[in-house]
Amino acid sequence: MSNEGNKTTSEAPQMVEEEGKAKLRKWLNMKFRIEMTDGRVLIGVFLCTDRDANVILGACSEYLKNNEGETEEPRVLGLVMVPGRHIVSIQIDDTTPSQTYYYDEYLIK
């Protein structure tokens, strides 16, 4: 009897988990655009997530639409936690100009 068949089926979930972790690591410190169930749009730097799909964004700004559908001036929020149950969509944001943030002697883009 061979255990090789069982080995591949038991390793498959672990491989998928490792691929997911690698993808999340690749997205760290990238600018994300999150659309929420109430119509707000948040744009900020992706810092972390958890099992419940909650997302932490740094240097975050909130964009609202007025009654005419035009986007108002952004409101700076800073560090935010977005509950996963309120997220409609997540995208990597390349529409807003890149900003440079300086913290102590380290450069974070």
PDB file of N, CA and C in Angstrom:
ATOM      1  N   MET A   1       0.832  -1.184   0.000  1.00  0.00           N
ATOM      2  CA  MET A   1       0.000   0.000   0.000  1.00  0.00           C
ATOM      3  C   MET A   1       0.873   1.242   0.000  1.00  0.00           C
ATOM      4  N   SER A   2       0.431   2.208  -0.745  1.00  0.00           N
ATOM      5  CA  SER A   2       1.203   3.434  -0.864  1.00  0.00           C
ATOM      6  C   SER A   2       0.464   4.576  -0.177  1.00  0.00           C
ATOM      7  N   ASN A   3       1.218   5.420   0.490  1.00  0.00           N
ATOM      8  CA  ASN A   3       0.649   6.588   1.156  1.00  0.00           C
ATOM      9  C   ASN A   3       0.768   7.845   0.298  1.00  0.00           C
ATOM     10  N   GLU A   4       1.309   7.710  -0.910  1.00  0.00           N
ATOM     11  CA  GLU A   4       1.527   8.884  -1.744  1.00  0.00           C
ATOM     12  C   GLU A   4       0.221   9.571  -2.121  1.00  0.00           C
ATOM     13  N   GLY A   5      -0.840   8.799  -2.378  1.00  0.00           N
ATOM     14  CA  GLY A   5      -2.128   9.391  -2.710  1.00  0.00           C
ATOM     15  C   GLY A   5      -2.661  10.231  -1.567  1.00  0.00           C
ATOM     16  N   ASN A   6      -2.536   9.737  -0.350  1.00  0.00           N
ATOM     17  CA  ASN A   6      -2.983  10.490   0.814  1.00  0.00           C
ATOM     18  C   ASN A   6      -2.119  11.718   1.056  1.00  0.00           C
ATOM     19  N   LYS A   7      -0.855  11.621   0.725  1.00  0.00           N
ATOM     20  CA  LYS A   7       0.070  12.732   0.940  1.00  0.00           C
ATOM     21  C   LYS A   7      -0.326  13.934   0.092  1.00  0.00           C
ATOM     22  N   THR A   8      -0.672  13.711  -1.163  1.00  0.00           N
ATOM     23  CA  THR A   8      -1.008  14.846  -2.022  1.00  0.00           C
ATOM     24  C   THR A   8      -2.328  15.487  -1.613  1.00  0.00           C
ATOM     25  N   THR A   9      -3.310  14.694  -1.185  1.00  0.00           N
ATOM     26  CA  THR A   9      -4.588  15.294  -0.788  1.00  0.00           C
ATOM     27  C   THR A   9      -4.463  16.036   0.535  1.00  0.00           C
ATOM     28  N   SER A  10      -3.627  15.576   1.447  1.00  0.00           N
ATOM     29  CA  SER A  10      -3.463  16.278   2.715  1.00  0.00           C
ATOM     30  C   SER A  10      -2.595  17.520   2.558  1.00  0.00           C
ATOM     31  N   GLU A  11      -1.736  17.558   1.549  1.00  0.00           N
ATOM     32  CA  GLU A  11      -0.884  18.729   1.329  1.00  0.00           C
ATOM     33  C   GLU A  11      -1.577  19.803   0.502  1.00  0.00           C
ATOM     34  N   ALA A  12      -2.642  19.452  -0.222  1.00  0.00           N
ATOM     35  CA  ALA A  12      -3.319  20.420  -1.090  1.00  0.00           C
ATOM     36  C   ALA A  12      -3.845  21.628  -0.320  1.00  0.00           C
ATOM     37  N   PRO A  13      -4.568  21.460   0.807  1.00  0.00           N
ATOM     38  CA  PRO A  13      -5.018  22.650   1.538  1.00  0.00           C
ATOM     39  C   PRO A  13      -3.861  23.499   2.054  1.00  0.00           C
ATOM     40  N   GLN A  14      -2.782  22.851   2.452  1.00  0.00           N
ATOM     41  CA  GLN A  14      -1.619  23.598   2.948  1.00  0.00           C
ATOM     42  C   GLN A  14      -0.997  24.414   1.818  1.00  0.00           C
ATOM     43  N   MET A  15      -0.941  23.852   0.607  1.00  0.00           N
ATOM     44  CA  MET A  15      -0.379  24.593  -0.528  1.00  0.00           C
ATOM     45  C   MET A  15      -1.245  25.802  -0.859  1.00  0.00           C
ATOM     46  N   VAL A  16      -2.562  25.637  -0.823  1.00  0.00           N
ATOM     47  CA  VAL A  16      -3.468  26.755  -1.091  1.00  0.00           C
ATOM     48  C   VAL A  16      -3.289  27.834  -0.034  1.00  0.00           C
ATOM     49  N   GLU A  17      -3.141  27.421   1.240  1.00  0.00           N
ATOM     50  CA  GLU A  17      -2.928  28.379   2.322  1.00  0.00           C
ATOM     51  C   GLU A  17      -1.625  29.140   2.130  1.00  0.00           C
ATOM     52  N   GLU A  18      -0.570  28.445   1.726  1.00  0.00           N
ATOM     53  CA  GLU A  18       0.725  29.103   1.502  1.00  0.00           C
ATOM     54  C   GLU A  18       0.644  30.086   0.337  1.00  0.00           C
ATOM     55  N   GLU A  19      -0.098  29.726  -0.725  1.00  0.00           N
ATOM     56  CA  GLU A  19      -0.263  30.629  -1.861  1.00  0.00           C
ATOM     57  C   GLU A  19      -1.026  31.885  -1.430  1.00  0.00           C
ATOM     58  N   GLY A  20      -2.047  31.704  -0.583  1.00  0.00           N
ATOM     59  CA  GLY A  20      -2.804  32.845  -0.077  1.00  0.00           C
ATOM     60  C   GLY A  20      -1.947  33.771   0.769  1.00  0.00           C
ATOM     61  N   LYS A  21      -1.124  33.193   1.624  1.00  0.00           N
ATOM     62  CA  LYS A  21      -0.224  34.001   2.457  1.00  0.00           C
ATOM     63  C   LYS A  21       0.779  34.756   1.600  1.00  0.00           C
ATOM     64  N   ALA A  22       1.291  34.100   0.563  1.00  0.00           N
ATOM     65  CA  ALA A  22       2.253  34.761  -0.329  1.00  0.00           C
ATOM     66  C   ALA A  22       1.604  35.941  -1.045  1.00  0.00           C
ATOM     67  N   LYS A  23       0.362  35.764  -1.466  1.00  0.00           N
ATOM     68  CA  LYS A  23      -0.353  36.843  -2.147  1.00  0.00           C
ATOM     69  C   LYS A  23      -0.574  38.015  -1.196  1.00  0.00           C
ATOM     70  N   LEU A  24      -0.961  37.728   0.045  1.00  0.00           N
ATOM     71  CA  LEU A  24      -1.160  38.793   1.029  1.00  0.00           C
ATOM     72  C   LEU A  24       0.140  39.537   1.319  1.00  0.00           C
ATOM     73  N   ARG A  25       1.242  38.794   1.431  1.00  0.00           N
ATOM     74  CA  ARG A  25       2.545  39.446   1.675  1.00  0.00           C
ATOM     75  C   ARG A  25       2.914  40.365   0.515  1.00  0.00           C
ATOM     76  N   LYS A  26       2.585  39.948  -0.708  1.00  0.00           N
ATOM     77  CA  LYS A  26       2.887  40.759  -1.885  1.00  0.00           C
ATOM     78  C   LYS A  26       2.101  42.073  -1.856  1.00  0.00           C
ATOM     79  N   TRP A  27       0.886  42.038  -1.294  1.00  0.00           N
ATOM     80  CA  TRP A  27       0.035  43.221  -1.248  1.00  0.00           C
ATOM     81  C   TRP A  27       0.362  44.160  -0.095  1.00  0.00           C
ATOM     82  N   LEU A  28       1.165  43.727   0.865  1.00  0.00           N
ATOM     83  CA  LEU A  28       1.503  44.593   1.999  1.00  0.00           C
ATOM     84  C   LEU A  28       2.100  45.910   1.521  1.00  0.00           C
ATOM     85  N   ASN A  29       1.692  46.982   2.149  1.00  0.00           N
ATOM     86  CA  ASN A  29       2.172  48.338   1.866  1.00  0.00           C
ATOM     87  C   ASN A  29       1.788  48.858   0.483  1.00  0.00           C
ATOM     88  N   MET A  30       0.845  48.189  -0.178  1.00  0.00           N
ATOM     89  CA  MET A  30       0.317  48.700  -1.448  1.00  0.00           C
ATOM     90  C   MET A  30      -0.930  49.527  -1.139  1.00  0.00           C
ATOM     91  N   LYS A  31      -1.215  50.479  -1.999  1.00  0.00           N
ATOM     92  CA  LYS A  31      -2.378  51.327  -1.806  1.00  0.00           C
ATOM     93  C   LYS A  31      -3.627  50.591  -2.297  1.00  0.00           C
ATOM     94  N   PHE A  32      -4.614  50.467  -1.416  1.00  0.00           N
ATOM     95  CA  PHE A  32      -5.864  49.766  -1.709  1.00  0.00           C
ATOM     96  C   PHE A  32      -7.019  50.755  -1.797  1.00  0.00           C
ATOM     97  N   ARG A  33      -7.992  50.398  -2.599  1.00  0.00           N
ATOM     98  CA  ARG A  33      -9.256  51.142  -2.718  1.00  0.00           C
ATOM     99  C   ARG A  33     -10.359  50.182  -2.291  1.00  0.00           C
ATOM    100  N   ILE A  34     -11.064  50.520  -1.211  1.00  0.00           N
ATOM    101  CA  ILE A  34     -12.120  49.661  -0.681  1.00  0.00           C
ATOM    102  C   ILE A  34     -13.456  50.382  -0.794  1.00  0.00           C
ATOM    103  N   GLU A  35     -14.413  49.731  -1.476  1.00  0.00           N
ATOM    104  CA  GLU A  35     -15.767  50.258  -1.549  1.00  0.00           C
ATOM    105  C   GLU A  35     -16.596  49.574  -0.470  1.00  0.00           C
ATOM    106  N   MET A  36     -17.386  50.374   0.255  1.00  0.00           N
ATOM    107  CA  MET A  36     -18.155  49.853   1.385  1.00  0.00           C
ATOM    108  C   MET A  36     -19.645  49.818   1.066  1.00  0.00           C
ATOM    109  N   THR A  37     -20.387  49.067   1.867  1.00  0.00           N
ATOM    110  CA  THR A  37     -21.813  48.870   1.640  1.00  0.00           C
ATOM    111  C   THR A  37     -22.607  50.172   1.700  1.00  0.00           C
ATOM    112  N   ASP A  38     -22.126  51.168   2.443  1.00  0.00           N
ATOM    113  CA  ASP A  38     -22.851  52.438   2.563  1.00  0.00           C
ATOM    114  C   ASP A  38     -22.448  53.452   1.495  1.00  0.00           C
ATOM    115  N   GLY A  39     -21.635  53.035   0.519  1.00  0.00           N
ATOM    116  CA  GLY A  39     -21.265  53.908  -0.591  1.00  0.00           C
ATOM    117  C   GLY A  39     -19.953  54.642  -0.424  1.00  0.00           C
ATOM    118  N   ARG A  40     -19.382  54.600   0.777  1.00  0.00           N
ATOM    119  CA  ARG A  40     -18.093  55.267   0.980  1.00  0.00           C
ATOM    120  C   ARG A  40     -16.984  54.508   0.267  1.00  0.00           C
ATOM    121  N   VAL A  41     -15.945  55.246  -0.108  1.00  0.00           N
ATOM    122  CA  VAL A  41     -14.746  54.658  -0.695  1.00  0.00           C
ATOM    123  C   VAL A  41     -13.568  55.055   0.186  1.00  0.00           C
ATOM    124  N   LEU A  42     -12.787  54.069   0.612  1.00  0.00           N
ATOM    125  CA  LEU A  42     -11.605  54.313   1.427  1.00  0.00           C
ATOM    126  C   LEU A  42     -10.372  53.974   0.602  1.00  0.00           C
ATOM    127  N   ILE A  43      -9.393  54.860   0.635  1.00  0.00           N
ATOM    128  CA  ILE A  43      -8.122  54.608  -0.051  1.00  0.00           C
ATOM    129  C   ILE A  43      -7.016  54.774   0.974  1.00  0.00           C
ATOM    130  N   GLY A  44      -6.213  53.704   1.121  1.00  0.00           N
ATOM    131  CA  GLY A  44      -5.129  53.734   2.094  1.00  0.00           C
ATOM    132  C   GLY A  44      -4.161  52.597   1.862  1.00  0.00           C
ATOM    133  N   VAL A  45      -3.137  52.548   2.660  1.00  0.00           N
ATOM    134  CA  VAL A  45      -2.075  51.552   2.551  1.00  0.00           C
ATOM    135  C   VAL A  45      -2.488  50.279   3.289  1.00  0.00           C
ATOM    136  N   PHE A  46      -2.487  49.152   2.596  1.00  0.00           N
ATOM    137  CA  PHE A  46      -2.870  47.869   3.187  1.00  0.00           C
ATOM    138  C   PHE A  46      -1.812  47.426   4.184  1.00  0.00           C
ATOM    139  N   LEU A  47      -2.233  47.232   5.445  1.00  0.00           N
ATOM    140  CA  LEU A  47      -1.302  46.829   6.495  1.00  0.00           C
ATOM    141  C   LEU A  47      -1.528  45.402   6.973  1.00  0.00           C
ATOM    142  N   CYS A  48      -2.794  44.980   7.123  1.00  0.00           N
ATOM    143  CA  CYS A  48      -3.047  43.604   7.547  1.00  0.00           C
ATOM    144  C   CYS A  48      -4.516  43.253   7.389  1.00  0.00           C
ATOM    145  N   THR A  49      -4.807  41.968   7.556  1.00  0.00           N
ATOM    146  CA  THR A  49      -6.168  41.456   7.540  1.00  0.00           C
ATOM    147  C   THR A  49      -6.249  40.311   8.534  1.00  0.00           C
ATOM    148  N   ASP A  50      -7.460  39.795   8.767  1.00  0.00           N
ATOM    149  CA  ASP A  50      -7.621  38.672   9.678  1.00  0.00           C
ATOM    150  C   ASP A  50      -8.589  37.652   9.083  1.00  0.00           C
ATOM    151  N   ARG A  51      -8.897  36.626   9.856  1.00  0.00           N
ATOM    152  CA  ARG A  51      -9.760  35.539   9.375  1.00  0.00           C
ATOM    153  C   ARG A  51     -11.167  36.008   9.030  1.00  0.00           C
ATOM    154  N   ASP A  52     -11.621  37.090   9.638  1.00  0.00           N
ATOM    155  CA  ASP A  52     -12.963  37.605   9.388  1.00  0.00           C
ATOM    156  C   ASP A  52     -13.009  38.590   8.230  1.00  0.00           C
ATOM    157  N   ALA A  53     -11.908  38.722   7.498  1.00  0.00           N
ATOM    158  CA  ALA A  53     -11.776  39.628   6.345  1.00  0.00           C
ATOM    159  C   ALA A  53     -11.817  41.093   6.745  1.00  0.00           C
ATOM    160  N   ASN A  54     -11.549  41.396   8.030  1.00  0.00           N
ATOM    161  CA  ASN A  54     -11.370  42.786   8.439  1.00  0.00           C
ATOM    162  C   ASN A  54     -10.040  43.255   7.859  1.00  0.00           C
ATOM    163  N   VAL A  55      -9.973  44.512   7.461  1.00  0.00           N
ATOM    164  CA  VAL A  55      -8.769  45.053   6.822  1.00  0.00           C
ATOM    165  C   VAL A  55      -8.315  46.288   7.589  1.00  0.00           C
ATOM    166  N   ILE A  56      -7.005  46.393   7.806  1.00  0.00           N
ATOM    167  CA  ILE A  56      -6.407  47.589   8.410  1.00  0.00           C
ATOM    168  C   ILE A  56      -5.727  48.381   7.304  1.00  0.00           C
ATOM    169  N   LEU A  57      -6.098  49.662   7.191  1.00  0.00           N
ATOM    170  CA  LEU A  57      -5.474  50.566   6.225  1.00  0.00           C
ATOM    171  C   LEU A  57      -4.779  51.693   6.987  1.00  0.00           C
ATOM    172  N   GLY A  58      -3.595  52.062   6.540  1.00  0.00           N
ATOM    173  CA  GLY A  58      -2.878  53.199   7.103  1.00  0.00           C
ATOM    174  C   GLY A  58      -2.931  54.366   6.143  1.00  0.00           C
ATOM    175  N   ALA A  59      -2.745  55.574   6.655  1.00  0.00           N
ATOM    176  CA  ALA A  59      -2.765  56.801   5.849  1.00  0.00           C
ATOM    177  C   ALA A  59      -4.013  56.818   4.965  1.00  0.00           C
ATOM    178  N   CYS A  60      -5.144  56.535   5.569  1.00  0.00           N
ATOM    179  CA  CYS A  60      -6.398  56.344   4.838  1.00  0.00           C
ATOM    180  C   CYS A  60      -7.165  57.650   4.669  1.00  0.00           C
ATOM    181  N   SER A  61      -7.801  57.786   3.509  1.00  0.00           N
ATOM    182  CA  SER A  61      -8.707  58.896   3.240  1.00  0.00           C
ATOM    183  C   SER A  61     -10.057  58.330   2.827  1.00  0.00           C
ATOM    184  N   GLU A  62     -11.116  59.052   3.195  1.00  0.00           N
ATOM    185  CA  GLU A  62     -12.475  58.634   2.897  1.00  0.00           C
ATOM    186  C   GLU A  62     -13.043  59.548   1.808  1.00  0.00           C
ATOM    187  N   TYR A  63     -13.672  58.957   0.806  1.00  0.00           N
ATOM    188  CA  TYR A  63     -14.282  59.695  -0.283  1.00  0.00           C
ATOM    189  C   TYR A  63     -15.778  59.427  -0.277  1.00  0.00           C
ATOM    190  N   LEU A  64     -16.564  60.505  -0.227  1.00  0.00           N
ATOM    191  CA  LEU A  64     -18.021  60.415  -0.242  1.00  0.00           C
ATOM    192  C   LEU A  64     -18.542  61.013  -1.542  1.00  0.00           C
ATOM    193  N   LYS A  65     -19.728  60.566  -1.960  1.00  0.00           N
ATOM    194  CA  LYS A  65     -20.381  61.172  -3.117  1.00  0.00           C
ATOM    195  C   LYS A  65     -21.552  62.002  -2.619  1.00  0.00           C
ATOM    196  N   ASN A  66     -21.705  63.202  -3.201  1.00  0.00           N
ATOM    197  CA  ASN A  66     -22.826  64.053  -2.807  1.00  0.00           C
ATOM    198  C   ASN A  66     -24.087  63.612  -3.554  1.00  0.00           C
ATOM    199  N   ASN A  67     -25.175  64.367  -3.383  1.00  0.00           N
ATOM    200  CA  ASN A  67     -26.458  63.992  -3.985  1.00  0.00           C
ATOM    201  C   ASN A  67     -26.424  63.960  -5.508  1.00  0.00           C
ATOM    202  N   GLU A  68     -25.544  64.744  -6.118  1.00  0.00           N
ATOM    203  CA  GLU A  68     -25.432  64.768  -7.584  1.00  0.00           C
ATOM    204  C   GLU A  68     -24.520  63.663  -8.105  1.00  0.00           C
ATOM    205  N   GLY A  69     -23.958  62.861  -7.221  1.00  0.00           N
ATOM    206  CA  GLY A  69     -23.074  61.768  -7.638  1.00  0.00           C
ATOM    207  C   GLY A  69     -21.624  62.181  -7.813  1.00  0.00           C
ATOM    208  N   GLU A  70     -21.300  63.439  -7.500  1.00  0.00           N
ATOM    209  CA  GLU A  70     -19.924  63.912  -7.614  1.00  0.00           C
ATOM    210  C   GLU A  70     -19.156  63.581  -6.347  1.00  0.00           C
ATOM    211  N   THR A  71     -17.882  63.268  -6.502  1.00  0.00           N
ATOM    212  CA  THR A  71     -17.052  62.935  -5.351  1.00  0.00           C
ATOM    213  C   THR A  71     -16.636  64.214  -4.632  1.00  0.00           C
ATOM    214  N   GLU A  72     -16.855  64.242  -3.330  1.00  0.00           N
ATOM    215  CA  GLU A  72     -16.470  65.390  -2.518  1.00  0.00           C
ATOM    216  C   GLU A  72     -14.993  65.318  -2.183  1.00  0.00           C
ATOM    217  N   GLU A  73     -14.502  66.378  -1.544  1.00  0.00           N
ATOM    218  CA  GLU A  73     -13.112  66.397  -1.088  1.00  0.00           C
ATOM    219  C   GLU A  73     -12.886  65.252  -0.107  1.00  0.00           C
ATOM    220  N   PRO A  74     -11.708  64.629  -0.153  1.00  0.00           N
ATOM    221  CA  PRO A  74     -11.449  63.510   0.767  1.00  0.00           C
ATOM    222  C   PRO A  74     -11.318  63.987   2.210  1.00  0.00           C
ATOM    223  N   ARG A  75     -11.690  63.092   3.113  1.00  0.00           N
ATOM    224  CA  ARG A  75     -11.517  63.343   4.544  1.00  0.00           C
ATOM    225  C   ARG A  75     -10.412  62.417   5.029  1.00  0.00           C
ATOM    226  N   VAL A  76      -9.375  62.969   5.625  1.00  0.00           N
ATOM    227  CA  VAL A  76      -8.247  62.181   6.101  1.00  0.00           C
ATOM    228  C   VAL A  76      -8.640  61.485   7.397  1.00  0.00           C
ATOM    229  N   LEU A  77      -8.493  60.145   7.415  1.00  0.00           N
ATOM    230  CA  LEU A  77      -8.856  59.363   8.587  1.00  0.00           C
ATOM    231  C   LEU A  77      -7.634  58.838   9.335  1.00  0.00           C
ATOM    232  N   GLY A  78      -6.554  58.565   8.612  1.00  0.00           N
ATOM    233  CA  GLY A  78      -5.366  57.985   9.243  1.00  0.00           C
ATOM    234  C   GLY A  78      -5.432  56.473   9.252  1.00  0.00           C
ATOM    235  N   LEU A  79      -5.283  55.869  10.435  1.00  0.00           N
ATOM    236  CA  LEU A  79      -5.306  54.415  10.583  1.00  0.00           C
ATOM    237  C   LEU A  79      -6.741  53.956  10.820  1.00  0.00           C
ATOM    238  N   VAL A  80      -7.228  53.021   9.986  1.00  0.00           N
ATOM    239  CA  VAL A  80      -8.614  52.560  10.121  1.00  0.00           C
ATOM    240  C   VAL A  80      -8.685  51.039  10.069  1.00  0.00           C
ATOM    241  N   MET A  81      -9.742  50.510  10.710  1.00  0.00           N
ATOM    242  CA  MET A  81     -10.075  49.095  10.593  1.00  0.00           C
ATOM    243  C   MET A  81     -11.414  49.025   9.872  1.00  0.00           C
ATOM    244  N   VAL A  82     -11.438  48.332   8.753  1.00  0.00           N
ATOM    245  CA  VAL A  82     -12.651  48.197   7.959  1.00  0.00           C
ATOM    246  C   VAL A  82     -13.235  46.812   8.226  1.00  0.00           C
ATOM    247  N   PRO A  83     -14.442  46.731   8.798  1.00  0.00           N
ATOM    248  CA  PRO A  83     -15.041  45.416   9.039  1.00  0.00           C
ATOM    249  C   PRO A  83     -15.305  44.681   7.720  1.00  0.00           C
ATOM    250  N   GLY A  84     -14.942  43.424   7.669  1.00  0.00           N
ATOM    251  CA  GLY A  84     -15.095  42.639   6.451  1.00  0.00           C
ATOM    252  C   GLY A  84     -16.529  42.569   5.970  1.00  0.00           C
ATOM    253  N   ARG A  85     -17.494  42.572   6.881  1.00  0.00           N
ATOM    254  CA  ARG A  85     -18.904  42.456   6.477  1.00  0.00           C
ATOM    255  C   ARG A  85     -19.397  43.706   5.750  1.00  0.00           C
ATOM    256  N   HIS A  86     -18.656  44.819   5.821  1.00  0.00           N
ATOM    257  CA  HIS A  86     -19.056  46.053   5.148  1.00  0.00           C
ATOM    258  C   HIS A  86     -18.297  46.288   3.840  1.00  0.00           C
ATOM    259  N   ILE A  87     -17.439  45.359   3.448  1.00  0.00           N
ATOM    260  CA  ILE A  87     -16.636  45.528   2.233  1.00  0.00           C
ATOM    261  C   ILE A  87     -17.391  44.966   1.040  1.00  0.00           C
ATOM    262  N   VAL A  88     -17.557  45.807   0.014  1.00  0.00           N
ATOM    263  CA  VAL A  88     -18.181  45.383  -1.234  1.00  0.00           C
ATOM    264  C   VAL A  88     -17.116  44.938  -2.216  1.00  0.00           C
ATOM    265  N   SER A  89     -16.048  45.734  -2.350  1.00  0.00           N
ATOM    266  CA  SER A  89     -14.961  45.366  -3.264  1.00  0.00           C
ATOM    267  C   SER A  89     -13.643  45.955  -2.779  1.00  0.00           C
ATOM    268  N   ILE A  90     -12.566  45.284  -3.177  1.00  0.00           N
ATOM    269  CA  ILE A  90     -11.207  45.736  -2.870  1.00  0.00           C
ATOM    270  C   ILE A  90     -10.408  45.721  -4.160  1.00  0.00           C
ATOM    271  N   GLN A  91      -9.685  46.801  -4.403  1.00  0.00           N
ATOM    272  CA  GLN A  91      -8.827  46.892  -5.588  1.00  0.00           C
ATOM    273  C   GLN A  91      -7.493  47.509  -5.188  1.00  0.00           C
ATOM    274  N   ILE A  92      -6.468  47.178  -5.929  1.00  0.00           N
ATOM    275  CA  ILE A  92      -5.205  47.902  -5.779  1.00  0.00           C
ATOM    276  C   ILE A  92      -5.404  49.234  -6.477  1.00  0.00           C
ATOM    277  N   ASP A  93      -5.144  50.325  -5.768  1.00  0.00           N
ATOM    278  CA  ASP A  93      -5.441  51.661  -6.290  1.00  0.00           C
ATOM    279  C   ASP A  93      -4.231  52.240  -7.007  1.00  0.00           C
ATOM    280  N   ASP A  94      -4.422  52.551  -8.276  1.00  0.00           N
ATOM    281  CA  ASP A  94      -3.366  53.229  -9.032  1.00  0.00           C
ATOM    282  C   ASP A  94      -3.891  54.533  -9.619  1.00  0.00           C
ATOM    283  N   THR A  95      -5.052  54.998  -9.114  1.00  0.00           N
ATOM    284  CA  THR A  95      -5.650  56.213  -9.651  1.00  0.00           C
ATOM    285  C   THR A  95      -5.222  57.470  -8.901  1.00  0.00           C
ATOM    286  N   THR A  96      -4.816  57.312  -7.648  1.00  0.00           N
ATOM    287  CA  THR A  96      -4.396  58.478  -6.874  1.00  0.00           C
ATOM    288  C   THR A  96      -2.879  58.594  -6.927  1.00  0.00           C
ATOM    289  N   PRO A  97      -2.368  59.810  -6.908  1.00  0.00           N
ATOM    290  CA  PRO A  97      -0.912  59.975  -6.966  1.00  0.00           C
ATOM    291  C   PRO A  97      -0.222  59.368  -5.750  1.00  0.00           C
ATOM    292  N   SER A  98       0.934  58.797  -5.986  1.00  0.00           N
ATOM    293  CA  SER A  98       1.699  58.184  -4.912  1.00  0.00           C
ATOM    294  C   SER A  98       2.231  59.260  -3.970  1.00  0.00           C
ATOM    295  N   GLN A  99       2.169  58.992  -2.676  1.00  0.00           N
ATOM    296  CA  GLN A  99       2.691  59.909  -1.683  1.00  0.00           C
ATOM    297  C   GLN A  99       3.838  59.235  -0.953  1.00  0.00           C
ATOM    298  N   THR A 100       4.731  60.033  -0.421  1.00  0.00           N
ATOM    299  CA  THR A 100       5.836  59.513   0.352  1.00  0.00           C
ATOM    300  C   THR A 100       5.628  59.879   1.807  1.00  0.00           C
ATOM    301  N   TYR A 101       5.766  58.903   2.683  1.00  0.00           N
ATOM    302  CA  TYR A 101       5.580  59.102   4.111  1.00  0.00           C
ATOM    303  C   TYR A 101       6.907  58.887   4.809  1.00  0.00           C
ATOM    304  N   TYR A 102       7.272  59.801   5.706  1.00  0.00           N
ATOM    305  CA  TYR A 102       8.502  59.674   6.462  1.00  0.00           C
ATOM    306  C   TYR A 102       8.170  59.414   7.925  1.00  0.00           C
ATOM    307  N   TYR A 103       8.676  58.318   8.435  1.00  0.00           N
ATOM    308  CA  TYR A 103       8.547  57.999   9.850  1.00  0.00           C
ATOM    309  C   TYR A 103       9.935  57.799  10.396  1.00  0.00           C
ATOM    310  N   ASP A 104      10.348  58.704  11.288  1.00  0.00           N
ATOM    311  CA  ASP A 104      11.713  58.693  11.831  1.00  0.00           C
ATOM    312  C   ASP A 104      12.702  58.736  10.695  1.00  0.00           C
ATOM    313  N   GLU A 105      13.600  57.755  10.633  1.00  0.00           N
ATOM    314  CA  GLU A 105      14.624  57.764   9.583  1.00  0.00           C
ATOM    315  C   GLU A 105      14.267  56.817   8.445  1.00  0.00           C
ATOM    316  N   TYR A 106      13.110  56.193   8.512  1.00  0.00           N
ATOM    317  CA  TYR A 106      12.731  55.218   7.504  1.00  0.00           C
ATOM    318  C   TYR A 106      11.829  55.849   6.468  1.00  0.00           C
ATOM    319  N   LEU A 107      12.003  55.464   5.242  1.00  0.00           N
ATOM    320  CA  LEU A 107      11.187  55.956   4.151  1.00  0.00           C
ATOM    321  C   LEU A 107      10.165  54.886   3.797  1.00  0.00           C
ATOM    322  N   ILE A 108       8.901  55.240   3.865  1.00  0.00           N
ATOM    323  CA  ILE A 108       7.829  54.304   3.512  1.00  0.00           C
ATOM    324  C   ILE A 108       7.059  54.923   2.352  1.00  0.00           C
ATOM    325  N   LYS A 109       6.916  54.180   1.271  1.00  0.00           N
ATOM    326  CA  LYS A 109       6.198  54.665   0.120  1.00  0.00           C
ATOM    327  C   LYS A 109       4.872  54.006  -0.002  1.00  0.00           C
TER     328      LYS A 109
END
